[in-house]
C-alpha atoms as a PDB file:
ATOM      1  CA  UNK A   1     113.601 -76.181 -68.604  1.00  0.00           C
ATOM      2  CA  UNK A   2     115.636 -74.165 -71.117  1.00  0.00           C
ATOM      3  CA  UNK A   3     118.216 -76.934 -71.390  1.00  0.00           C
ATOM      4  CA  UNK A   4     115.500 -79.482 -72.256  1.00  0.00           C
ATOM      5  CA  UNK A   5     114.051 -77.130 -74.902  1.00  0.00           C
ATOM      6  CA  UNK A   6     117.444 -76.365 -76.426  1.00  0.00           C
ATOM      7  CA  UNK A   7     118.181 -80.085 -76.890  1.00  0.00           C
ATOM      8  CA  UNK A   8     115.338 -80.311 -79.396  1.00  0.00           C
ATOM      9  CA  UNK A   9     116.009 -77.045 -81.263  1.00  0.00           C
ATOM     10  CA  UNK A  10     117.930 -77.495 -84.500  1.00  0.00           C
ATOM     11  CA  UNK A  11     119.529 -74.290 -85.764  1.00  0.00           C
ATOM     12  CA  UNK A  12     118.825 -73.453 -89.396  1.00  0.00           C
ATOM     13  CA  UNK A  13     121.767 -72.324 -91.472  1.00  0.00           C
ATOM     14  CA  UNK A  14     121.751 -71.871 -95.216  1.00  0.00           C
ATOM     15  CA  UNK A  15     124.630 -71.400 -97.648  1.00  0.00           C
ATOM     16  CA  UNK A  16     124.849 -69.450-100.876  1.00  0.00           C
ATOM     17  CA  UNK A  17     123.117 -71.444-103.599  1.00  0.00           C
ATOM     18  CA  UNK A  18     120.744 -73.352-101.293  1.00  0.00           C
ATOM     19  CA  UNK A  19     117.100 -73.528-102.335  1.00  0.00           C
ATOM     20  CA  UNK A  20     114.647 -72.375 -99.660  1.00  0.00           C
ATOM     21  CA  UNK A  21     110.952 -71.731 -99.074  1.00  0.00           C
ATOM     22  CA  UNK A  22     109.926 -68.347 -97.627  1.00  0.00           C
ATOM     23  CA  UNK A  23     107.004 -68.024 -95.215  1.00  0.00           C
ATOM     24  CA  UNK A  24     104.040 -65.951 -96.374  1.00  0.00           C
ATOM     25  CA  UNK A  25     104.757 -62.593 -94.706  1.00  0.00           C
ATOM     26  CA  UNK A  26     103.373 -60.859 -92.774  1.00  0.00           C
ATOM     27  CA  UNK A  27     102.408 -63.932 -90.811  1.00  0.00           C
ATOM     28  CA  UNK A  28      98.693 -64.518 -90.652  1.00  0.00           C
ATOM     29  CA  UNK A  29      97.871 -63.014 -94.061  1.00  0.00           C
ATOM     30  CA  UNK A  30      96.291 -65.387 -96.496  1.00  0.00           C
ATOM     31  CA  UNK A  31      94.459 -65.069 -99.785  1.00  0.00           C
ATOM     32  CA  UNK A  32      90.745 -64.782 -98.987  1.00  0.00           C
ATOM     33  CA  UNK A  33      89.828 -66.536-102.233  1.00  0.00           C
ATOM     34  CA  UNK A  34      91.433 -69.787-101.043  1.00  0.00           C
ATOM     35  CA  UNK A  35      90.580 -69.477 -97.352  1.00  0.00           C
ATOM     36  CA  UNK A  36      92.340 -72.090 -95.257  1.00  0.00           C
ATOM     37  CA  UNK A  37      93.706 -73.728 -98.422  1.00  0.00           C
ATOM     38  CA  UNK A  38      95.957 -70.779 -99.278  1.00  0.00           C
ATOM     39  CA  UNK A  39      99.694 -71.573 -99.268  1.00  0.00           C
ATOM     40  CA  UNK A  40     101.851 -70.902 -96.202  1.00  0.00           C
ATOM     41  CA  UNK A  41     105.153 -70.825 -98.119  1.00  0.00           C
ATOM     42  CA  UNK A  42     106.435 -69.117-101.288  1.00  0.00           C
ATOM     43  CA  UNK A  43     109.241 -70.314-103.445  1.00  0.00           C
ATOM     44  CA  UNK A  44     111.555 -71.971-104.066  1.00  0.00           C
ATOM     45  CA  UNK A  45     114.148 -69.199-103.945  1.00  0.00           C
ATOM     46  CA  UNK A  46     117.945 -69.338-104.063  1.00  0.00           C
ATOM     47  CA  UNK A  47     120.119 -67.878-101.280  1.00  0.00           C
ATOM     48  CA  UNK A  48     122.187 -65.095-102.880  1.00  0.00           C
ATOM     49  CA  UNK A  49     124.056 -63.726 -99.830  1.00  0.00           C
ATOM     50  CA  UNK A  50     124.492 -64.738 -96.207  1.00  0.00           C
ATOM     51  CA  UNK A  51     124.513 -61.732 -93.872  1.00  0.00           C
ATOM     52  CA  UNK A  52     125.187 -61.426 -90.157  1.00  0.00           C
ATOM     53  CA  UNK A  53     122.409 -61.972 -87.644  1.00  0.00           C
ATOM     54  CA  UNK A  54     120.804 -64.915 -89.469  1.00  0.00           C
ATOM     55  CA  UNK A  55     119.753 -62.681 -92.400  1.00  0.00           C
ATOM     56  CA  UNK A  56     119.735 -63.747 -96.031  1.00  0.00           C
ATOM     57  CA  UNK A  57     119.367 -62.089 -99.411  1.00  0.00           C
ATOM     58  CA  UNK A  58     117.312 -64.196-101.794  1.00  0.00           C
ATOM     59  CA  UNK A  59     116.830 -64.362-105.526  1.00  0.00           C
ATOM     60  CA  UNK A  60     114.269 -66.051-107.715  1.00  0.00           C
ATOM     61  CA  UNK A  61     115.393 -68.994-109.819  1.00  0.00           C
ATOM     62  CA  UNK A  62     115.424 -66.789-112.928  1.00  0.00           C
ATOM     63  CA  UNK A  63     117.935 -64.411-111.282  1.00  0.00           C
ATOM     64  CA  UNK A  64     115.661 -61.586-110.050  1.00  0.00           C
ATOM     65  CA  UNK A  65     117.037 -60.447-106.675  1.00  0.00           C
ATOM     66  CA  UNK A  66     114.886 -59.518-103.680  1.00  0.00           C
ATOM     67  CA  UNK A  67     115.272 -55.860-102.607  1.00  0.00           C
ATOM     68  CA  UNK A  68     115.153 -56.666 -98.856  1.00  0.00           C
ATOM     69  CA  UNK A  69     116.791 -59.260 -96.629  1.00  0.00           C
ATOM     70  CA  UNK A  70     114.850 -62.070 -94.953  1.00  0.00           C
ATOM     71  CA  UNK A  71     115.449 -63.449 -91.466  1.00  0.00           C
ATOM     72  CA  UNK A  72     116.363 -67.131 -91.349  1.00  0.00           C
ATOM     73  CA  UNK A  73     113.487 -67.942 -89.004  1.00  0.00           C
ATOM     74  CA  UNK A  74     111.111 -67.327 -91.938  1.00  0.00           C
ATOM     75  CA  UNK A  75     112.919 -69.780 -94.223  1.00  0.00           C
ATOM     76  CA  UNK A  76     113.022 -73.542 -94.552  1.00  0.00           C
ATOM     77  CA  UNK A  77     115.068 -75.787 -96.801  1.00  0.00           C
ATOM     78  CA  UNK A  78     113.552 -76.779-100.126  1.00  0.00           C
ATOM     79  CA  UNK A  79     113.703 -80.446-101.036  1.00  0.00           C
ATOM     80  CA  UNK A  80     112.629 -81.143-104.634  1.00  0.00           C
ATOM     81  CA  UNK A  81     109.909 -83.724-104.979  1.00  0.00           C
ATOM     82  CA  UNK A  82     110.025 -86.595-107.417  1.00  0.00           C
ATOM     83  CA  UNK A  83     107.325 -84.849-109.514  1.00  0.00           C
ATOM     84  CA  UNK A  84     109.331 -81.638-110.047  1.00  0.00           C
ATOM     85  CA  UNK A  85     110.288 -81.243-113.665  1.00  0.00           C
ATOM     86  CA  UNK A  86     107.553 -83.514-115.072  1.00  0.00           C
ATOM     87  CA  UNK A  87     105.089 -81.966-117.491  1.00  0.00           C
END
C-alpha cells in the first residue's frame, strides 16, 4: 500500500529565488469577516534560504525577511497569472 501511495507523491523542493505561496497558519484559522471565502494562501513570497529538513526562510517581494523558518509542506510554487501586472 505504501508503494502505491509513494508513486503518486511528488516531493516539493524550492530553490533560492523561487516565488511561493504560504498556507494560512495555523491551519484552520480563517478571517471570520469573509467566512468560507477567506484565502487559504498568503503571498507570493521569495525563498531567501534553503535549510536542512525541508525548511525555508522567506522574504516578501520588497525585501522584508521573515523572522522564522517555514516547513516546505506549507508552501506551494507560485505561478504568475496572465493578469498579474495589469492595472
